Amino acid sequence: MPIVLPKLPYDYDALAPIVSGATLRFHYDRHHRAYIDALNALVRHTDLADRTLDVIIHRAAGRRANDPAAVAIFNNAAQAWNHAFYWQSLRPKGGGGPRGVLAARIEADFGSERGFADAFTAAATSHFGSGWAWLVLERGALRIVTTSNAGTPIVNGQTPLLVVDVWEHAYYLDYQQRRADYVANVVDNLLNWDFAAQTFARASEPSVQSAALPA
């Protein structure tokens, strides 16, 4: 079975005015779909055909050093995964900070919810070039990391909890060059802390050895 474009978890206009319907249509219908279409074409008639997205990512990542074709496969597969996770990381009327066990861990690892928000915003804003800013769980601790281009934490033994896309196509129609405004608005108003808490709870179970693919 080919990889399919996952359905958006909300309507195109649901994140406005922070992320406009025009941006979401452009981002999802063109960029995300293009990664899916390219990936399916690249893996057709290979040993990666009919594999799940996470398997394709990990196998292509291991082959990149010696196989130029694997670079293109990884880039498109990882971008497809990252975008699916990004849609889940946002929700209408989001933000507001975590609750419960995750809130306690945020406070322990970042000093406070505001401390996390400031550090996350700074990391996303200052990341050079295109990429992603992530809240991840690694070896029992929460960390903020950034990845460039198609980089994804799932190949580094990290479990993503939230991500903000800082490629220009994620915000340029709404904010032009003002990445900092886009990031601050997303962090304060759109982050899906319920999704992060669910992912954190699953990842904290002893039997869980790797990140789950977004629904």
Protein backbone atom coordinates (compact mmCIF):
# COMPACT_ATOMS: atom_id res chain seq x y z
CA MET A 1 0.00 0.00 0.00
CA PRO A 2 1.34 3.47 -0.81
CA ILE A 3 1.83 6.09 1.88
CA VAL A 4 -1.30 8.26 2.07
CA LEU A 5 -1.71 11.90 2.98
CA PRO A 6 -3.23 11.97 6.47
CA LYS A 7 -6.36 13.99 6.97
CA LEU A 8 -5.96 17.33 8.72
CA PRO A 9 -7.33 17.13 12.29
CA TYR A 10 -9.22 20.44 11.85
CA ASP A 11 -10.70 22.66 9.16
CA TYR A 12 -8.47 24.91 7.05
CA ASP A 13 -9.64 28.07 8.83
CA ALA A 14 -9.60 26.62 12.35
CA LEU A 15 -6.17 28.04 13.28
CA ALA A 16 -6.85 31.57 12.02
CA PRO A 17 -5.81 34.27 12.58
CA ILE A 18 -2.53 32.77 13.92
CA VAL A 19 -2.19 30.53 10.85
CA SER A 20 -4.52 31.59 8.07
CA GLY A 21 -6.63 29.30 5.97
CA ALA A 22 -4.62 30.37 2.91
CA THR A 23 -1.37 29.32 4.55
CA LEU A 24 -2.81 26.01 5.73
CA ARG A 25 -4.21 25.17 2.30
CA PHE A 26 -0.90 26.03 0.63
CA HIS A 27 1.16 24.18 3.23
CA TYR A 28 -0.96 21.03 3.46
CA ASP A 29 -2.34 20.67 -0.07
CA ARG A 30 0.86 21.54 -1.88
CA HIS A 31 3.89 20.96 0.33
CA HIS A 32 2.79 17.99 2.43
CA ARG A 33 1.08 16.31 -0.51
CA ALA A 34 4.18 16.82 -2.68
CA TYR A 35 6.36 14.96 -0.17
CA ILE A 36 3.91 12.05 -0.11
CA ASP A 37 3.69 11.88 -3.90
CA ALA A 38 7.46 12.09 -4.35
CA LEU A 39 8.08 9.43 -1.71
CA ASN A 40 5.68 6.96 -3.29
CA ALA A 41 7.37 7.45 -6.66
CA LEU A 42 10.84 7.01 -5.15
CA VAL A 43 10.14 3.76 -3.29
CA ARG A 44 8.10 2.12 -6.03
CA HIS A 45 9.80 -1.12 -7.16
CA THR A 46 12.27 -0.99 -4.25
CA ASP A 47 12.53 -3.02 -1.06
CA LEU A 48 10.94 -0.06 0.74
CA ALA A 49 7.69 -0.27 -1.19
CA ASP A 50 4.74 -1.13 1.07
CA ARG A 51 6.75 -0.35 4.21
CA THR A 52 5.39 1.97 6.87
CA LEU A 53 6.61 5.56 6.95
CA ASP A 54 8.71 5.11 10.09
CA VAL A 55 10.41 2.00 8.67
CA ILE A 56 11.22 3.86 5.44
CA ILE A 57 12.72 6.75 7.43
CA HIS A 58 14.96 4.58 9.59
CA ARG A 59 16.17 2.37 6.74
CA ALA A 60 16.82 5.30 4.41
CA ALA A 61 18.66 7.13 7.20
CA GLY A 62 21.00 4.19 7.60
CA ARG A 63 21.76 4.08 3.88
CA ARG A 64 22.30 7.79 3.20
CA ALA A 65 26.08 7.73 3.50
CA ASN A 66 26.51 5.23 0.67
CA ASP A 67 23.37 5.57 -1.44
CA PRO A 68 22.39 8.88 -3.07
CA ALA A 69 18.90 7.52 -3.79
CA ALA A 70 18.39 6.98 -0.07
CA VAL A 71 19.00 10.69 0.56
CA ALA A 72 15.98 11.66 -1.54
CA ILE A 73 13.87 8.92 0.02
CA PHE A 74 14.82 10.02 3.52
CA ASN A 75 14.18 13.70 2.80
CA ASN A 76 10.67 13.11 1.47
CA ALA A 77 9.74 10.48 4.05
CA ALA A 78 11.00 12.54 6.98
CA GLN A 79 9.25 15.65 5.70
CA ALA A 80 6.01 13.67 5.38
CA TRP A 81 6.39 12.44 8.97
CA ASN A 82 7.37 15.84 10.34
CA HIS A 83 4.39 17.54 8.72
CA ALA A 84 1.93 14.93 10.03
CA PHE A 85 3.36 15.49 13.50
CA TYR A 86 3.18 19.27 13.10
CA TRP A 87 -0.56 19.17 12.34
CA GLN A 88 -1.07 17.12 15.51
CA SER A 89 1.06 19.55 17.53
CA LEU A 90 -1.41 22.37 16.86
CA ARG A 91 -5.06 22.77 17.78
CA PRO A 92 -7.61 25.56 17.71
CA LYS A 93 -7.62 27.52 20.97
CA GLY A 94 -4.48 25.71 22.08
CA GLY A 95 -1.56 26.96 24.11
CA GLY A 96 -2.07 27.59 27.80
CA GLY A 97 0.60 25.17 28.94
CA PRO A 98 0.59 21.53 30.01
CA ARG A 99 -1.24 19.94 32.92
CA GLY A 100 -0.64 17.03 35.24
CA VAL A 101 2.49 14.90 35.02
CA LEU A 102 3.83 16.66 31.94
CA ALA A 103 3.42 20.05 33.63
CA ALA A 104 5.50 18.81 36.55
CA ARG A 105 8.21 17.59 34.18
CA ILE A 106 8.21 20.90 32.28
CA GLU A 107 8.71 22.74 35.56
CA ALA A 108 11.45 20.36 36.67
CA ASP A 109 13.39 20.52 33.40
CA PHE A 110 12.80 24.17 32.39
CA GLY A 111 12.08 25.92 35.70
CA SER A 112 8.53 26.91 34.77
CA GLU A 113 6.03 26.82 31.92
CA ARG A 114 7.11 30.34 30.98
CA GLY A 115 10.72 29.23 31.06
CA PHE A 116 9.92 26.48 28.58
CA ALA A 117 7.90 28.81 26.34
CA ASP A 118 10.69 31.39 26.25
CA ALA A 119 13.38 28.78 25.53
CA PHE A 120 11.29 27.05 22.88
CA THR A 121 10.44 30.33 21.18
CA ALA A 122 14.08 31.39 21.21
CA ALA A 123 15.24 28.08 19.72
CA ALA A 124 12.66 28.18 16.93
CA THR A 125 13.27 31.86 16.15
CA SER A 126 17.07 31.65 16.11
CA HIS A 127 17.36 28.42 14.12
CA PHE A 128 19.32 29.25 10.99
CA GLY A 129 17.58 28.48 7.74
CA SER A 130 14.77 26.00 7.21
CA GLY A 131 13.91 23.40 9.78
CA TRP A 132 11.99 22.46 12.90
CA ALA A 133 11.94 23.17 16.64
CA TRP A 134 11.01 20.23 18.85
CA LEU A 135 10.17 19.36 22.42
CA VAL A 136 11.50 15.83 22.84
CA LEU A 137 11.91 13.20 25.50
CA GLU A 138 15.39 11.71 25.58
CA ARG A 139 16.66 9.27 28.21
CA GLY A 140 13.96 10.35 30.62
CA ALA A 141 14.57 14.11 30.29
CA LEU A 142 12.76 16.78 28.29
CA ARG A 143 14.88 18.72 25.82
CA ILE A 144 14.40 21.41 23.19
CA VAL A 145 16.18 20.59 19.93
CA THR A 146 16.14 21.92 16.40
CA THR A 147 16.69 20.06 13.15
CA SER A 148 17.56 21.45 9.76
CA ASN A 149 15.70 20.79 6.53
CA ALA A 150 14.20 17.27 6.75
CA GLY A 151 15.95 16.33 9.99
CA THR A 152 13.77 14.42 12.45
CA PRO A 153 14.45 13.37 16.05
CA ILE A 154 13.06 9.88 15.56
CA VAL A 155 16.34 8.75 14.00
CA ASN A 156 18.29 10.04 17.01
CA GLY A 157 16.61 7.99 19.72
CA GLN A 158 14.42 10.92 20.77
CA THR A 159 10.64 10.91 21.20
CA PRO A 160 9.00 14.08 19.84
CA LEU A 161 6.22 15.61 21.92
CA LEU A 162 5.63 18.87 20.01
CA VAL A 163 7.06 20.59 16.96
CA VAL A 164 6.90 23.98 15.26
CA ASP A 165 7.70 24.18 11.56
CA VAL A 166 10.09 27.05 10.81
CA TRP A 167 10.36 26.58 7.07
CA GLU A 168 9.30 29.84 5.43
CA HIS A 169 6.30 28.26 3.72
CA ALA A 170 4.82 27.66 7.19
CA TYR A 171 4.45 31.37 7.91
CA TYR A 172 5.55 33.66 5.08
CA LEU A 173 2.09 34.38 3.65
CA ASP A 174 0.95 35.60 7.08
CA TYR A 175 4.10 37.05 8.62
CA GLN A 176 6.61 37.64 5.78
CA GLN A 177 10.06 37.70 7.43
CA ARG A 178 8.68 37.99 11.00
CA ARG A 179 9.39 34.42 12.11
CA ALA A 180 9.55 35.47 15.77
CA ASP A 181 5.95 36.73 15.70
CA TYR A 182 4.73 33.50 14.08
CA VAL A 183 6.56 31.33 16.61
CA ALA A 184 5.42 33.33 19.64
CA ASN A 185 1.81 33.24 18.48
CA VAL A 186 1.91 29.49 17.85
CA VAL A 187 3.55 28.72 21.20
CA ASP A 188 1.11 30.88 23.18
CA ASN A 189 -2.08 30.07 21.28
CA LEU A 190 -1.91 26.87 19.24
CA LEU A 191 0.32 24.23 20.87
CA ASN A 192 -1.64 21.03 21.49
CA TRP A 193 -0.64 20.13 25.04
CA ASP A 194 -3.21 17.32 25.20
CA PHE A 195 -1.45 15.59 22.31
CA ALA A 196 1.93 16.17 23.96
CA ALA A 197 0.67 14.71 27.25
CA GLN A 198 -0.67 11.61 25.52
CA THR A 199 2.58 11.07 23.66
CA PHE A 200 4.58 11.66 26.84
CA ALA A 201 2.50 9.13 28.76
CA ARG A 202 2.99 6.46 26.07
CA ALA A 203 6.70 7.17 25.78
CA SER A 204 7.13 6.97 29.56
CA GLU A 205 5.83 3.41 29.68
CA PRO A 206 8.72 0.92 30.15
CA SER A 207 7.60 -1.16 27.17
CA VAL A 208 7.76 1.74 24.73
CA GLN A 209 11.08 1.76 22.89
CA SER A 210 10.45 4.23 20.09
CA ALA A 211 8.24 7.15 19.12
CA ALA A 212 4.78 6.34 17.83
CA LEU A 213 3.79 7.64 14.43
CA PRO A 214 1.23 10.45 14.55
CA ALA A 215 -2.33 9.36 13.94
